[in-house]
Protein backbone atom coordinates (compact mmCIF):
# COMPACT_ATOMS: atom_id res chain seq x y z
CA MET A 1 -7.46 53.49 0.42
CA LYS A 2 -8.34 57.04 -0.96
CA ASN A 3 -8.85 58.40 -4.51
CA CYS A 4 -6.31 61.33 -3.19
CA PHE A 5 -4.32 58.86 -1.97
CA LYS A 6 -3.56 60.61 1.42
CA LYS A 7 -5.66 58.92 4.16
CA GLY A 8 -5.68 55.69 4.50
CA PHE A 9 -7.33 53.27 1.77
CA LEU A 10 -10.65 54.48 0.33
CA PHE A 11 -11.67 50.91 -1.16
CA SER A 12 -15.41 48.09 -1.45
CA PHE A 13 -17.15 32.51 -5.34
CA LEU A 14 -21.27 33.46 -9.30
CA ILE A 15 -23.19 36.20 -10.34
CA VAL A 16 -22.30 38.64 -13.19
CA LEU A 17 -21.28 42.06 -12.07
CA LYS A 18 -23.30 44.90 -13.12
CA ILE A 19 -21.80 48.46 -12.36
CA GLN A 20 -24.46 51.22 -11.28
CA ALA A 21 -22.38 54.05 -11.95
CA GLN A 22 -24.32 56.17 -9.41
CA SER A 23 -25.09 53.97 -6.55
CA THR A 24 -22.95 51.46 -4.40
CA LYS A 25 -24.69 48.45 -4.80
CA VAL A 26 -23.65 45.56 -2.12
CA TYR A 27 -23.26 42.18 -3.98
CA ASP A 28 -24.57 39.19 -2.24
CA PHE A 29 -22.21 36.18 -2.22
CA TYR A 30 -23.36 34.15 0.52
CA TYR A 31 -23.01 31.04 -0.92
CA ASP A 32 -21.28 27.55 -0.71
CA ARG A 33 -19.56 26.88 -3.81
CA PHE A 34 -19.14 23.49 -5.29
CA SER A 35 -17.03 21.86 -7.76
CA CYS A 36 -16.87 18.89 -10.19
CA LYS A 37 -14.39 18.22 -13.50
CA ASN A 38 -16.98 15.75 -16.18
CA PRO A 39 -15.55 13.55 -18.47
CA LYS A 40 -14.66 15.95 -20.83
CA GLY A 41 -12.43 17.82 -18.52
CA LEU A 42 -14.51 20.86 -18.31
CA ILE A 43 -15.06 22.00 -14.64
CA GLU A 44 -18.81 22.60 -13.67
CA TYR A 45 -19.63 24.78 -10.47
CA LEU A 46 -22.32 24.84 -8.21
CA LYS A 47 -23.31 28.02 -5.85
CA ILE A 48 -25.67 27.09 -3.22
CA GLY A 49 -27.50 29.64 -1.57
CA LYS A 50 -26.72 29.22 2.52
CA LYS A 51 -29.92 31.31 4.21
CA LYS A 52 -32.49 31.47 0.92
CA GLN A 53 -33.31 28.42 -1.45
CA LYS A 54 -31.10 29.54 -4.63
CA ILE A 55 -28.69 27.55 -6.68
CA PHE A 56 -26.63 28.76 -9.57
CA TYR A 57 -24.70 26.77 -12.35
CA ALA A 58 -21.22 28.21 -14.38
CA THR A 59 -18.59 26.38 -15.91
CA SER A 60 -14.89 26.77 -16.29
CA LYS A 61 -15.45 28.78 -19.80
CA ASN A 62 -18.29 30.95 -18.36
CA SER A 63 -17.55 31.30 -14.73
CA GLU A 64 -18.44 34.60 -14.52
CA GLU A 65 -21.82 33.84 -15.82
CA ASP A 66 -24.14 32.44 -13.23
CA ILE A 67 -27.25 30.50 -14.54
CA PRO A 68 -29.88 30.60 -12.03
CA LEU A 69 -31.68 27.13 -11.56
CA LYS A 70 -35.37 26.69 -10.92
CA ILE A 71 -35.99 24.45 -8.08
CA LEU A 72 -39.29 22.69 -8.62
CA ASN A 73 -39.91 21.59 -5.13
CA PRO A 74 -39.21 24.38 -3.43
CA ASN A 75 -41.39 23.17 -0.33
CA ALA A 76 -39.23 20.32 0.10
CA THR A 77 -36.17 19.99 2.59
CA PHE A 78 -33.33 21.78 0.99
CA LEU A 79 -30.93 19.02 -0.84
CA ASP A 80 -32.11 16.58 1.84
CA TYR A 81 -29.87 13.74 1.32
CA TYR A 82 -32.29 10.62 1.92
CA GLY A 83 -35.02 12.15 0.81
CA GLU A 84 -36.22 13.26 -2.74
CA GLY A 85 -33.53 15.79 -3.00
CA THR A 86 -34.06 19.52 -4.52
CA LYS A 87 -35.23 18.94 -8.28
CA VAL A 88 -34.09 21.64 -10.61
CA GLN A 89 -33.97 22.87 -14.29
CA PHE A 90 -32.40 25.03 -16.58
CA PRO A 91 -33.91 27.95 -18.11
CA ASN A 92 -35.68 26.37 -21.29
CA ASP A 93 -34.93 22.98 -20.50
CA ASN A 94 -37.47 20.23 -19.50
CA LYS A 95 -34.80 17.76 -18.03
CA ILE A 96 -34.94 17.32 -14.23
CA TYR A 97 -31.53 17.10 -12.13
CA ILE A 98 -31.46 16.33 -8.56
CA LEU A 99 -29.56 17.54 -5.68
CA LYS A 100 -28.72 15.99 -2.75
CA ALA A 101 -26.12 17.38 0.05
CA TYR A 102 -24.04 14.43 1.25
CA PRO A 103 -24.02 14.77 5.33
CA SER A 104 -20.78 14.07 6.28
CA CYS A 105 -17.52 15.98 6.97
CA GLU A 106 -16.75 15.28 3.33
CA ASN A 107 -18.66 18.37 2.28
CA PHE A 108 -20.22 17.13 -1.28
CA ILE A 109 -22.98 17.41 -3.08
CA GLU A 110 -24.49 14.92 -5.58
CA CYS A 111 -25.90 15.71 -8.64
CA HIS A 112 -28.09 13.02 -10.24
CA ASN A 113 -28.52 13.67 -13.89
CA PRO A 114 -31.51 12.98 -16.23
CA ASP A 115 -29.08 10.39 -17.55
CA GLY A 116 -28.89 8.28 -14.62
CA THR A 117 -25.22 9.53 -14.20
CA VAL A 118 -24.24 10.88 -11.03
CA GLN A 119 -21.67 13.77 -10.52
CA LYS A 120 -19.83 14.69 -6.89
CA PHE A 121 -19.45 18.46 -6.45
CA GLU A 122 -16.98 18.78 -3.88
CA PHE A 123 -17.00 22.37 -1.50
CA ILE A 124 -14.43 24.99 -2.46
CA ARG A 125 -13.52 27.65 0.09
CA GLU A 126 -15.44 31.04 -1.22
CA LEU A 127 -13.72 34.35 -0.29
CA GLY A 128 -15.35 36.58 -3.09
CA GLY A 129 -17.33 39.24 -2.49
CA THR A 130 -18.05 42.44 -0.94
CA TYR A 131 -15.99 43.51 1.98
CA ARG A 132 -16.63 46.99 3.96
CA CYS A 133 -14.26 48.95 5.93
CA ILE A 134 -15.70 51.94 8.19
CA ASN A 135 -13.19 54.63 8.99
CA LEU A 136 -12.79 56.87 11.88
CA ASN A 137 -13.83 59.52 10.21
CA ASN A 138 -16.93 57.63 9.13
CA THR A 139 -16.14 57.17 5.50
CA ILE A 140 -17.45 53.76 4.14
CA GLU A 141 -15.18 51.86 1.70
CA TYR A 142 -16.03 48.99 -0.08
CA LEU A 143 -13.41 46.17 -1.69
CA TYR A 144 -14.87 43.58 -4.09
CA ILE A 145 -13.23 40.66 -4.60
CA ASN A 146 -14.05 37.87 -7.15
CA TYR A 147 -11.64 34.71 -8.19
CA ILE A 148 -11.51 30.97 -8.63
CA ASN A 149 -7.25 31.32 -9.31
CA SER A 150 -4.74 33.80 -9.77
CA LYS A 151 -5.37 33.81 -13.34
CA ASN A 152 -9.30 35.72 -13.30
CA LEU A 153 -8.61 37.41 -10.04
CA LYS A 154 -11.03 40.84 -9.96
CA VAL A 155 -10.57 43.76 -7.76
CA LYS A 156 -12.89 46.85 -7.59
CA TYR A 157 -13.29 49.69 -5.47
CA SER A 158 -15.94 52.17 -3.95
CA SER A 159 -17.06 54.33 -1.22
CA ASN A 160 -19.56 56.07 0.16
CA LYS A 161 -18.32 59.64 -1.04
CA ASN A 162 -17.71 58.33 -4.60
CA PRO A 163 -19.90 55.15 -5.45
CA ARG A 164 -18.98 54.73 -8.43
CA TRP A 165 -16.97 51.03 -9.22
CA VAL A 166 -13.31 51.49 -10.19
CA THR A 167 -11.71 48.60 -11.58
CA LEU A 168 -8.43 48.12 -10.02
CA LYS A 169 -5.11 47.00 -11.69
CA VAL A 170 -3.95 43.84 -9.71
CA SER A 171 -0.02 42.62 -9.38
CA ASN A 172 2.22 40.47 -7.79
CA ILE A 173 -0.06 37.75 -6.64
CA LYS A 174 1.20 35.46 -4.14
CA ILE A 175 -0.31 31.81 -3.80
CA ASN A 176 -0.13 29.43 -0.70
CA THR A 177 1.50 27.08 -2.17
CA ASN A 178 0.63 24.45 1.21
CA ALA A 179 -2.60 25.01 1.04
CA PRO A 180 -4.58 22.03 -0.94
CA VAL A 181 -5.18 22.21 -4.55
CA PHE A 182 -8.79 21.51 -5.84
CA LEU A 183 -9.30 21.58 -9.81
CA ASP A 184 -8.08 24.84 -10.68
CA TYR A 185 -9.46 26.73 -6.97
CA GLU A 186 -6.20 28.70 -5.89
CA TYR A 187 -5.28 29.52 -2.19
CA ILE A 188 -4.41 33.18 -2.84
CA GLU A 189 -2.42 34.88 -0.15
CA GLN A 190 -2.04 38.64 -1.06
CA PHE A 191 -1.82 40.59 -3.91
CA GLU A 192 -0.75 44.52 -4.85
CA VAL A 193 -3.32 46.51 -6.50
CA GLN A 194 -3.12 50.40 -7.99
CA PHE A 195 -5.89 52.81 -9.05
CA PRO A 196 -5.78 53.83 -12.87
CA ASN A 197 -3.36 56.20 -13.65
CA ALA A 198 -1.81 56.17 -10.04
CA PRO A 199 1.76 55.04 -9.35
CA GLN A 200 0.74 53.92 -5.31
CA LYS A 201 0.36 50.18 -4.70
CA TYR A 202 -1.75 49.05 -1.90
CA ILE A 203 -1.13 45.28 -0.38
CA VAL A 204 -4.32 43.78 -0.04
CA ILE A 205 -3.61 40.71 2.52
CA ILE A 206 -6.17 37.64 2.88
CA PRO A 207 -6.02 35.66 6.08
CA GLN A 208 -5.66 32.08 5.51
CA LYS A 209 -7.82 29.65 7.79
CA GLU A 210 -8.23 26.23 7.65
CA GLU A 211 -11.53 26.23 9.04
CA ASN A 212 -14.78 27.60 7.18
CA ILE A 213 -14.95 30.98 8.06
CA GLU A 214 -18.54 32.55 7.59
CA PHE A 215 -17.45 36.02 8.00
CA PRO A 216 -14.05 36.31 6.21
CA ILE A 217 -12.08 39.46 6.38
CA VAL A 218 -9.17 40.96 4.31
CA LYS A 219 -6.72 43.41 5.66
CA VAL A 220 -4.96 46.32 3.37
CA LYS A 221 -1.55 47.81 4.13
CA ASN A 222 -1.62 51.84 2.64
CA PRO A 223 1.28 53.06 1.21
CA ASP A 224 1.80 54.92 4.28
CA GLY A 225 2.17 51.69 6.62
CA THR A 226 -1.20 51.66 8.15
CA VAL A 227 -3.48 48.97 7.86
CA GLN A 228 -7.30 48.53 7.69
CA THR A 229 -9.17 45.61 7.90
CA PHE A 230 -12.12 45.07 5.59
CA GLN A 231 -15.15 43.21 6.70
CA TRP A 232 -17.12 40.33 4.63
CA ILE A 233 -20.97 41.66 4.06
CA ASN A 234 -23.81 40.11 3.12
CA LYS A 235 -26.88 42.42 1.48
CA GLU A 236 -29.61 41.39 -0.93
């Protein structure tokens, strides 16, 4: 998907996106994501780093604002269920929360709150992040996708030739209605995007898989009928 709209598609689940005008930054989305609805009806999210011990918190009211949690016992077994668990604190808050990953196929995290209550955060599939396509002419395109549901789907594009991130217009979103629904999360099958002030539409297709994919892909159908594959990437 090129900016000139002639040859292919020139394109790029919770850290706030900071656009740097002259550099293509690859966003790190190598996380598992968990969600819980609290008694007040607010949906809370935990984002857990898979390779590094990183934990972020957000809510349905500020889903784009990830709050980094301080880990008090980084030398302990990460999210150990039968041990002491992982002790965390919010910035500028002395209260201690204990997170434990339950070792079963149910795939959830228990949060033991300072008041003695326990919340169950259940795993949700996260397909957000940065995807890359390396074309035969050695151009590299990036598609950035981030969403919880169709109401807040955000898509940005950049390339190695023009590293400035461009926000794309999104339309015609199709939801997989046969997929299980958890809280406000939706399984998006495909949607259309357009560059600013351009009539051409590109179809972004998200392959639907039941199993958890470590390195997902998205496919892009260009106006000329060609199809590109964008591979999810992870880079600090």
